[in-house]
Amino acid sequence: MTIPEIHWGPMIAALVYATMGLVIFGVAFVVVDRLTPYHLWREIIDEKNSALAIVVGAVAVGISIIVASAIR
């Protein structure tokens, strides 16, 4: 029984792309947070604004789709 050879190139590439995606997502989310006229987390957590939470979730999904498409 032989042990299959590990191909490190694709694994390292996947880790690099995942890290890049998370960093780009984080930066984009901070930019969206700064562009809004109010503090998103205070409004969602303290004021219990569920409509804003849905919008922020949709923005997060949209940013994720854009980042994933750009990396791919």
PDB file of N, CA and C in Angstrom:
ATOM      1  N   MET A   1       0.849  -1.180   0.000  1.00  0.00           N
ATOM      2  CA  MET A   1       0.000   0.000   0.000  1.00  0.00           C
ATOM      3  C   MET A   1       0.893   1.241   0.000  1.00  0.00           C
ATOM      4  N   THR A   2       0.666   2.105  -0.959  1.00  0.00           N
ATOM      5  CA  THR A   2       1.483   3.310  -1.048  1.00  0.00           C
ATOM      6  C   THR A   2       0.696   4.514  -0.561  1.00  0.00           C
ATOM      7  N   ILE A   3       1.428   5.428  -0.012  1.00  0.00           N
ATOM      8  CA  ILE A   3       0.818   6.677   0.461  1.00  0.00           C
ATOM      9  C   ILE A   3       0.785   7.656  -0.703  1.00  0.00           C
ATOM     10  N   PRO A   4      -0.382   8.236  -0.987  1.00  0.00           N
ATOM     11  CA  PRO A   4      -0.445   9.174  -2.116  1.00  0.00           C
ATOM     12  C   PRO A   4       0.394  10.424  -1.843  1.00  0.00           C
ATOM     13  N   GLU A   5       0.977  10.926  -2.900  1.00  0.00           N
ATOM     14  CA  GLU A   5       1.822  12.112  -2.788  1.00  0.00           C
ATOM     15  C   GLU A   5       0.943  13.345  -2.574  1.00  0.00           C
ATOM     16  N   ILE A   6       1.375  14.209  -1.683  1.00  0.00           N
ATOM     17  CA  ILE A   6       0.634  15.450  -1.402  1.00  0.00           C
ATOM     18  C   ILE A   6       1.129  16.524  -2.354  1.00  0.00           C
ATOM     19  N   HIS A   7       0.193  17.153  -3.035  1.00  0.00           N
ATOM     20  CA  HIS A   7       0.520  18.252  -3.941  1.00  0.00           C
ATOM     21  C   HIS A   7       0.351  19.563  -3.176  1.00  0.00           C
ATOM     22  N   TRP A   8       1.463  20.170  -2.793  1.00  0.00           N
ATOM     23  CA  TRP A   8       1.430  21.360  -1.945  1.00  0.00           C
ATOM     24  C   TRP A   8       1.044  22.622  -2.706  1.00  0.00           C
ATOM     25  N   GLY A   9       1.323  22.692  -3.991  1.00  0.00           N
ATOM     26  CA  GLY A   9       1.034  23.896  -4.770  1.00  0.00           C
ATOM     27  C   GLY A   9      -0.430  24.317  -4.713  1.00  0.00           C
ATOM     28  N   PRO A  10      -1.364  23.424  -5.045  1.00  0.00           N
ATOM     29  CA  PRO A  10      -2.782  23.807  -4.976  1.00  0.00           C
ATOM     30  C   PRO A  10      -3.253  24.135  -3.559  1.00  0.00           C
ATOM     31  N   MET A  11      -2.691  23.442  -2.566  1.00  0.00           N
ATOM     32  CA  MET A  11      -3.084  23.731  -1.181  1.00  0.00           C
ATOM     33  C   MET A  11      -2.632  25.122  -0.760  1.00  0.00           C
ATOM     34  N   ILE A  12      -1.402  25.470  -1.095  1.00  0.00           N
ATOM     35  CA  ILE A  12      -0.885  26.797  -0.752  1.00  0.00           C
ATOM     36  C   ILE A  12      -1.649  27.875  -1.522  1.00  0.00           C
ATOM     37  N   ALA A  13      -1.939  27.615  -2.799  1.00  0.00           N
ATOM     38  CA  ALA A  13      -2.701  28.576  -3.603  1.00  0.00           C
ATOM     39  C   ALA A  13      -4.087  28.793  -3.004  1.00  0.00           C
ATOM     40  N   ALA A  14      -4.734  27.737  -2.571  1.00  0.00           N
ATOM     41  CA  ALA A  14      -6.063  27.862  -1.963  1.00  0.00           C
ATOM     42  C   ALA A  14      -6.000  28.684  -0.682  1.00  0.00           C
ATOM     43  N   LEU A  15      -4.977  28.449   0.140  1.00  0.00           N
ATOM     44  CA  LEU A  15      -4.833  29.221   1.372  1.00  0.00           C
ATOM     45  C   LEU A  15      -4.551  30.700   1.086  1.00  0.00           C
ATOM     46  N   VAL A  16      -3.715  30.960   0.102  1.00  0.00           N
ATOM     47  CA  VAL A  16      -3.405  32.348  -0.259  1.00  0.00           C
ATOM     48  C   VAL A  16      -4.655  33.042  -0.783  1.00  0.00           C
ATOM     49  N   TYR A  17      -5.407  32.391  -1.680  1.00  0.00           N
ATOM     50  CA  TYR A  17      -6.612  32.999  -2.226  1.00  0.00           C
ATOM     51  C   TYR A  17      -7.676  33.186  -1.148  1.00  0.00           C
ATOM     52  N   ALA A  18      -7.800  32.239  -0.238  1.00  0.00           N
ATOM     53  CA  ALA A  18      -8.767  32.386   0.853  1.00  0.00           C
ATOM     54  C   ALA A  18      -8.399  33.560   1.751  1.00  0.00           C
ATOM     55  N   THR A  19      -7.118  33.695   2.052  1.00  0.00           N
ATOM     56  CA  THR A  19      -6.658  34.821   2.875  1.00  0.00           C
ATOM     57  C   THR A  19      -6.884  36.140   2.158  1.00  0.00           C
ATOM     58  N   MET A  20      -6.542  36.179   0.874  1.00  0.00           N
ATOM     59  CA  MET A  20      -6.775  37.406   0.100  1.00  0.00           C
ATOM     60  C   MET A  20      -8.267  37.755   0.075  1.00  0.00           C
ATOM     61  N   GLY A  21      -9.110  36.764  -0.109  1.00  0.00           N
ATOM     62  CA  GLY A  21     -10.551  36.998  -0.140  1.00  0.00           C
ATOM     63  C   GLY A  21     -11.070  37.547   1.175  1.00  0.00           C
ATOM     64  N   LEU A  22     -10.603  36.989   2.286  1.00  0.00           N
ATOM     65  CA  LEU A  22     -11.037  37.477   3.594  1.00  0.00           C
ATOM     66  C   LEU A  22     -10.569  38.905   3.852  1.00  0.00           C
ATOM     67  N   VAL A  23      -9.341  39.215   3.450  1.00  0.00           N
ATOM     68  CA  VAL A  23      -8.822  40.574   3.644  1.00  0.00           C
ATOM     69  C   VAL A  23      -9.600  41.567   2.787  1.00  0.00           C
ATOM     70  N   ILE A  24      -9.830  41.225   1.522  1.00  0.00           N
ATOM     71  CA  ILE A  24     -10.577  42.118   0.636  1.00  0.00           C
ATOM     72  C   ILE A  24     -12.003  42.291   1.137  1.00  0.00           C
ATOM     73  N   PHE A  25     -12.626  41.211   1.604  1.00  0.00           N
ATOM     74  CA  PHE A  25     -13.975  41.308   2.156  1.00  0.00           C
ATOM     75  C   PHE A  25     -13.997  42.225   3.374  1.00  0.00           C
ATOM     76  N   GLY A  26     -13.030  42.053   4.266  1.00  0.00           N
ATOM     77  CA  GLY A  26     -12.969  42.889   5.465  1.00  0.00           C
ATOM     78  C   GLY A  26     -12.799  44.363   5.129  1.00  0.00           C
ATOM     79  N   VAL A  27     -11.905  44.662   4.189  1.00  0.00           N
ATOM     80  CA  VAL A  27     -11.686  46.058   3.786  1.00  0.00           C
ATOM     81  C   VAL A  27     -12.948  46.627   3.154  1.00  0.00           C
ATOM     82  N   ALA A  28     -13.586  45.868   2.277  1.00  0.00           N
ATOM     83  CA  ALA A  28     -14.809  46.350   1.633  1.00  0.00           C
ATOM     84  C   ALA A  28     -15.918  46.576   2.650  1.00  0.00           C
ATOM     85  N   PHE A  29     -16.014  45.701   3.638  1.00  0.00           N
ATOM     86  CA  PHE A  29     -17.057  45.861   4.646  1.00  0.00           C
ATOM     87  C   PHE A  29     -16.804  47.087   5.516  1.00  0.00           C
ATOM     88  N   VAL A  30     -15.542  47.350   5.846  1.00  0.00           N
ATOM     89  CA  VAL A  30     -15.207  48.552   6.615  1.00  0.00           C
ATOM     90  C   VAL A  30     -15.533  49.803   5.802  1.00  0.00           C
ATOM     91  N   VAL A  31     -15.269  49.771   4.508  1.00  0.00           N
ATOM     92  CA  VAL A  31     -15.595  50.913   3.647  1.00  0.00           C
ATOM     93  C   VAL A  31     -17.105  51.150   3.649  1.00  0.00           C
ATOM     94  N   VAL A  32     -17.890  50.083   3.517  1.00  0.00           N
ATOM     95  CA  VAL A  32     -19.355  50.231   3.556  1.00  0.00           C
ATOM     96  C   VAL A  32     -19.785  50.786   4.907  1.00  0.00           C
ATOM     97  N   ASP A  33     -19.191  50.317   5.981  1.00  0.00           N
ATOM     98  CA  ASP A  33     -19.529  50.798   7.321  1.00  0.00           C
ATOM     99  C   ASP A  33     -19.212  52.281   7.462  1.00  0.00           C
ATOM    100  N   ARG A  34     -18.082  52.712   6.905  1.00  0.00           N
ATOM    101  CA  ARG A  34     -17.691  54.129   7.002  1.00  0.00           C
ATOM    102  C   ARG A  34     -18.569  55.027   6.132  1.00  0.00           C
ATOM    103  N   LEU A  35     -19.071  54.503   5.013  1.00  0.00           N
ATOM    104  CA  LEU A  35     -19.881  55.317   4.105  1.00  0.00           C
ATOM    105  C   LEU A  35     -21.310  55.521   4.593  1.00  0.00           C
ATOM    106  N   THR A  36     -21.774  54.678   5.500  1.00  0.00           N
ATOM    107  CA  THR A  36     -23.132  54.845   6.015  1.00  0.00           C
ATOM    108  C   THR A  36     -23.151  55.979   7.038  1.00  0.00           C
ATOM    109  N   PRO A  37     -24.271  56.712   7.116  1.00  0.00           N
ATOM    110  CA  PRO A  37     -24.321  57.873   8.017  1.00  0.00           C
ATOM    111  C   PRO A  37     -24.444  57.516   9.501  1.00  0.00           C
ATOM    112  N   TYR A  38     -24.568  56.259   9.830  1.00  0.00           N
ATOM    113  CA  TYR A  38     -24.689  55.835  11.220  1.00  0.00           C
ATOM    114  C   TYR A  38     -23.801  54.631  11.457  1.00  0.00           C
ATOM    115  N   HIS A  39     -23.598  54.289  12.711  1.00  0.00           N
ATOM    116  CA  HIS A  39     -22.749  53.155  13.067  1.00  0.00           C
ATOM    117  C   HIS A  39     -23.572  51.871  12.933  1.00  0.00           C
ATOM    118  N   LEU A  40     -23.179  50.997  12.005  1.00  0.00           N
ATOM    119  CA  LEU A  40     -23.982  49.817  11.694  1.00  0.00           C
ATOM    120  C   LEU A  40     -24.198  48.906  12.894  1.00  0.00           C
ATOM    121  N   TRP A  41     -23.128  48.558  13.586  1.00  0.00           N
ATOM    122  CA  TRP A  41     -23.254  47.575  14.666  1.00  0.00           C
ATOM    123  C   TRP A  41     -24.061  48.118  15.831  1.00  0.00           C
ATOM    124  N   ARG A  42     -23.888  49.405  16.147  1.00  0.00           N
ATOM    125  CA  ARG A  42     -24.674  49.996  17.243  1.00  0.00           C
ATOM    126  C   ARG A  42     -26.158  49.977  16.872  1.00  0.00           C
ATOM    127  N   GLU A  43     -26.448  50.291  15.624  1.00  0.00           N
ATOM    128  CA  GLU A  43     -27.837  50.312  15.161  1.00  0.00           C
ATOM    129  C   GLU A  43     -28.443  48.901  15.174  1.00  0.00           C
ATOM    130  N   ILE A  44     -27.670  47.917  14.782  1.00  0.00           N
ATOM    131  CA  ILE A  44     -28.192  46.548  14.728  1.00  0.00           C
ATOM    132  C   ILE A  44     -28.313  45.944  16.131  1.00  0.00           C
ATOM    133  N   ILE A  45     -27.277  46.090  16.942  1.00  0.00           N
ATOM    134  CA  ILE A  45     -27.257  45.436  18.253  1.00  0.00           C
ATOM    135  C   ILE A  45     -28.080  46.207  19.290  1.00  0.00           C
ATOM    136  N   ASP A  46     -27.806  47.497  19.444  1.00  0.00           N
ATOM    137  CA  ASP A  46     -28.476  48.272  20.492  1.00  0.00           C
ATOM    138  C   ASP A  46     -29.920  48.624  20.138  1.00  0.00           C
ATOM    139  N   GLU A  47     -30.129  49.059  18.899  1.00  0.00           N
ATOM    140  CA  GLU A  47     -31.468  49.483  18.489  1.00  0.00           C
ATOM    141  C   GLU A  47     -32.311  48.328  17.963  1.00  0.00           C
ATOM    142  N   LYS A  48     -31.712  47.148  17.797  1.00  0.00           N
ATOM    143  CA  LYS A  48     -32.393  45.941  17.316  1.00  0.00           C
ATOM    144  C   LYS A  48     -33.088  46.190  15.972  1.00  0.00           C
ATOM    145  N   ASN A  49     -32.360  46.823  15.057  1.00  0.00           N
ATOM    146  CA  ASN A  49     -32.882  47.153  13.736  1.00  0.00           C
ATOM    147  C   ASN A  49     -32.698  45.949  12.816  1.00  0.00           C
ATOM    148  N   SER A  50     -33.737  45.114  12.726  1.00  0.00           N
ATOM    149  CA  SER A  50     -33.621  43.882  11.937  1.00  0.00           C
ATOM    150  C   SER A  50     -33.613  44.165  10.438  1.00  0.00           C
ATOM    151  N   ALA A  51     -34.276  45.224   9.995  1.00  0.00           N
ATOM    152  CA  ALA A  51     -34.249  45.570   8.571  1.00  0.00           C
ATOM    153  C   ALA A  51     -32.825  45.920   8.139  1.00  0.00           C
ATOM    154  N   LEU A  52     -32.118  46.673   8.955  1.00  0.00           N
ATOM    155  CA  LEU A  52     -30.733  47.012   8.650  1.00  0.00           C
ATOM    156  C   LEU A  52     -29.853  45.770   8.689  1.00  0.00           C
ATOM    157  N   ALA A  53     -30.125  44.855   9.587  1.00  0.00           N
ATOM    158  CA  ALA A  53     -29.353  43.612   9.654  1.00  0.00           C
ATOM    159  C   ALA A  53     -29.526  42.807   8.365  1.00  0.00           C
ATOM    160  N   ILE A  54     -30.732  42.790   7.822  1.00  0.00           N
ATOM    161  CA  ILE A  54     -30.968  42.079   6.565  1.00  0.00           C
ATOM    162  C   ILE A  54     -30.207  42.750   5.428  1.00  0.00           C
ATOM    163  N   VAL A  55     -30.223  44.079   5.397  1.00  0.00           N
ATOM    164  CA  VAL A  55     -29.497  44.816   4.355  1.00  0.00           C
ATOM    165  C   VAL A  55     -27.998  44.580   4.478  1.00  0.00           C
ATOM    166  N   VAL A  56     -27.467  44.622   5.680  1.00  0.00           N
ATOM    167  CA  VAL A  56     -26.035  44.379   5.887  1.00  0.00           C
ATOM    168  C   VAL A  56     -25.679  42.954   5.481  1.00  0.00           C
ATOM    169  N   GLY A  57     -26.542  41.998   5.778  1.00  0.00           N
ATOM    170  CA  GLY A  57     -26.302  40.624   5.340  1.00  0.00           C
ATOM    171  C   GLY A  57     -26.286  40.502   3.823  1.00  0.00           C
ATOM    172  N   ALA A  58     -27.204  41.206   3.172  1.00  0.00           N
ATOM    173  CA  ALA A  58     -27.240  41.184   1.708  1.00  0.00           C
ATOM    174  C   ALA A  58     -25.992  41.838   1.125  1.00  0.00           C
ATOM    175  N   VAL A  59     -25.531  42.916   1.745  1.00  0.00           N
ATOM    176  CA  VAL A  59     -24.295  43.567   1.293  1.00  0.00           C
ATOM    177  C   VAL A  59     -23.111  42.617   1.465  1.00  0.00           C
ATOM    178  N   ALA A  60     -23.069  41.908   2.583  1.00  0.00           N
ATOM    179  CA  ALA A  60     -21.982  40.958   2.826  1.00  0.00           C
ATOM    180  C   ALA A  60     -21.992  39.839   1.785  1.00  0.00           C
ATOM    181  N   VAL A  61     -23.165  39.324   1.446  1.00  0.00           N
ATOM    182  CA  VAL A  61     -23.258  38.275   0.421  1.00  0.00           C
ATOM    183  C   VAL A  61     -22.829  38.834  -0.931  1.00  0.00           C
ATOM    184  N   GLY A  62     -23.262  40.055  -1.250  1.00  0.00           N
ATOM    185  CA  GLY A  62     -22.876  40.681  -2.513  1.00  0.00           C
ATOM    186  C   GLY A  62     -21.379  40.888  -2.623  1.00  0.00           C
ATOM    187  N   ILE A  63     -20.766  41.383  -1.559  1.00  0.00           N
ATOM    188  CA  ILE A  63     -19.316  41.574  -1.557  1.00  0.00           C
ATOM    189  C   ILE A  63     -18.612  40.229  -1.711  1.00  0.00           C
ATOM    190  N   SER A  64     -19.117  39.211  -1.035  1.00  0.00           N
ATOM    191  CA  SER A  64     -18.508  37.882  -1.124  1.00  0.00           C
ATOM    192  C   SER A  64     -18.571  37.328  -2.544  1.00  0.00           C
ATOM    193  N   ILE A  65     -19.696  37.523  -3.221  1.00  0.00           N
ATOM    194  CA  ILE A  65     -19.837  37.042  -4.590  1.00  0.00           C
ATOM    195  C   ILE A  65     -18.848  37.760  -5.509  1.00  0.00           C
ATOM    196  N   ILE A  66     -18.729  39.070  -5.331  1.00  0.00           N
ATOM    197  CA  ILE A  66     -17.812  39.852  -6.158  1.00  0.00           C
ATOM    198  C   ILE A  66     -16.363  39.415  -5.918  1.00  0.00           C
ATOM    199  N   VAL A  67     -15.980  39.259  -4.664  1.00  0.00           N
ATOM    200  CA  VAL A  67     -14.601  38.849  -4.337  1.00  0.00           C
ATOM    201  C   VAL A  67     -14.326  37.438  -4.880  1.00  0.00           C
ATOM    202  N   ALA A  68     -15.282  36.529  -4.710  1.00  0.00           N
ATOM    203  CA  ALA A  68     -15.085  35.161  -5.197  1.00  0.00           C
ATOM    204  C   ALA A  68     -14.945  35.139  -6.719  1.00  0.00           C
ATOM    205  N   SER A  69     -15.746  35.947  -7.409  1.00  0.00           N
ATOM    206  CA  SER A  69     -15.644  36.003  -8.863  1.00  0.00           C
ATOM    207  C   SER A  69     -14.337  36.612  -9.313  1.00  0.00           C
ATOM    208  N   ALA A  70     -13.882  37.630  -8.605  1.00  0.00           N
ATOM    209  CA  ALA A  70     -12.618  38.275  -8.971  1.00  0.00           C
ATOM    210  C   ALA A  70     -11.421  37.336  -8.754  1.00  0.00           C
ATOM    211  N   ILE A  71     -11.450  36.553  -7.701  1.00  0.00           N
ATOM    212  CA  ILE A  71     -10.350  35.645  -7.400  1.00  0.00           C
ATOM    213  C   ILE A  71     -10.369  34.460  -8.363  1.00  0.00           C
ATOM    214  N   ARG A  72     -11.528  34.030  -8.718  1.00  0.00           N
ATOM    215  CA  ARG A  72     -11.657  32.856  -9.585  1.00  0.00           C
ATOM    216  C   ARG A  72     -11.135  33.178 -10.954  1.00  0.00           C
TER     217      ARG A  72
END
